[in-house]
Amino acid sequence: MTDRATWSEAQEMAAYRPGQKVEIKHRPGIVDTVIAYDPTMVPPVILAIDPQPRYPEELTLISQPSTGFNWLNPWANIGSPTRSMSHH
């Protein structure tokens, strides 16, 4: 695993992407969901339930199965119809 000290901002943004489940380290067992990562904010991680923004060091990433969902372009996830509708 990459050492946190060498992570780039882009790697951190990818790790703390919207929808990522995290556990707050000082509150074991409490799982929350990242809704945004804003590098212009200090701290940069915004959670769905916890009203206080967090630093990545305060959070543990929770492994999730890959869904293939494209968070950067959510409209790309909408499949095209499998069959065309024809008018008779």
Protein backbone atom coordinates (compact mmCIF):
# COMPACT_ATOMS: atom_id res chain seq x y z
CA MET A 1 0.00 0.00 0.00
CA THR A 2 1.16 3.51 -0.71
CA ASP A 3 2.44 5.47 2.29
CA ARG A 4 0.00 8.28 3.14
CA ALA A 5 2.84 10.81 3.16
CA THR A 6 3.49 10.17 -0.54
CA TRP A 7 -0.12 10.28 -1.71
CA SER A 8 -0.91 12.95 -4.24
CA GLU A 9 -4.03 15.05 -4.03
CA ALA A 10 -5.46 13.10 -6.98
CA GLN A 11 -4.93 9.78 -5.20
CA GLU A 12 -6.58 11.13 -2.07
CA MET A 13 -9.54 12.44 -4.08
CA ALA A 14 -9.93 9.02 -5.71
CA ALA A 15 -9.78 7.22 -2.35
CA TYR A 16 -12.31 9.54 -0.71
CA ARG A 17 -14.73 9.69 -3.63
CA PRO A 18 -18.47 10.20 -3.10
CA GLY A 19 -20.12 7.00 -1.95
CA GLN A 20 -17.00 5.62 -0.26
CA LYS A 21 -17.76 4.07 3.13
CA VAL A 22 -15.47 5.13 5.97
CA GLU A 23 -15.15 4.52 9.69
CA ILE A 24 -14.27 7.39 12.00
CA LYS A 25 -11.18 6.17 13.87
CA HIS A 26 -12.08 7.70 17.24
CA ARG A 27 -15.61 6.21 16.99
CA PRO A 28 -15.02 2.52 16.11
CA GLY A 29 -18.01 0.80 14.54
CA ILE A 30 -19.51 4.04 13.22
CA VAL A 31 -19.62 3.87 9.42
CA ASP A 32 -20.40 6.96 7.37
CA THR A 33 -20.40 7.78 3.66
CA VAL A 34 -18.24 10.36 1.92
CA ILE A 35 -20.39 12.86 0.03
CA ALA A 36 -17.56 15.11 -1.15
CA TYR A 37 -13.84 15.69 -1.11
CA ASP A 38 -13.00 19.36 -1.48
CA PRO A 39 -9.26 20.07 -1.57
CA THR A 40 -9.96 23.77 -1.02
CA MET A 41 -11.49 23.01 2.40
CA VAL A 42 -9.59 22.23 5.58
CA PRO A 43 -10.41 19.48 6.49
CA PRO A 44 -11.36 18.25 2.98
CA VAL A 45 -13.63 15.20 3.55
CA ILE A 46 -17.37 15.84 3.94
CA LEU A 47 -19.50 13.01 5.31
CA ALA A 48 -23.21 12.29 4.98
CA ILE A 49 -24.06 11.87 8.68
CA ASP A 50 -21.21 13.46 10.64
CA PRO A 51 -21.61 17.25 10.40
CA GLN A 52 -17.90 17.89 11.03
CA PRO A 53 -15.59 17.75 7.98
CA ARG A 54 -12.72 15.31 8.52
CA TYR A 55 -9.08 14.86 7.60
CA PRO A 56 -8.29 11.58 5.82
CA GLU A 57 -6.05 10.64 8.78
CA GLU A 58 -9.18 10.54 10.98
CA LEU A 59 -10.88 7.97 8.74
CA THR A 60 -10.47 4.31 7.83
CA LEU A 61 -11.55 3.32 4.33
CA ILE A 62 -14.06 0.46 4.27
CA SER A 63 -13.56 -2.02 1.43
CA GLN A 64 -16.47 -2.17 -0.97
CA PRO A 65 -17.08 -4.44 -3.93
CA SER A 66 -16.54 -2.65 -7.21
CA THR A 67 -19.80 -1.56 -8.79
CA GLY A 68 -18.29 -0.15 -11.94
CA PHE A 69 -20.13 3.10 -11.22
CA ASN A 70 -18.44 6.10 -12.80
CA TRP A 71 -18.67 8.88 -10.19
CA LEU A 72 -17.01 11.39 -12.49
CA ASN A 73 -19.62 10.90 -15.22
CA PRO A 74 -22.73 9.35 -13.65
CA TRP A 75 -24.73 9.68 -16.87
CA ALA A 76 -22.34 7.18 -18.48
CA ASN A 77 -23.80 4.55 -16.14
CA ILE A 78 -27.22 4.68 -17.72
CA GLY A 79 -27.37 1.86 -20.21
CA SER A 80 -28.86 2.23 -23.62
CA PRO A 81 -32.00 0.22 -24.36
CA THR A 82 -31.22 -3.37 -25.23
CA ARG A 83 -33.74 -3.37 -28.03
CA SER A 84 -35.12 -0.62 -30.13
CA MET A 85 -38.79 0.13 -30.15
CA SER A 86 -40.30 -0.17 -33.56
CA HIS A 87 -43.63 1.16 -34.67
CA HIS A 88 -45.75 -1.23 -36.73
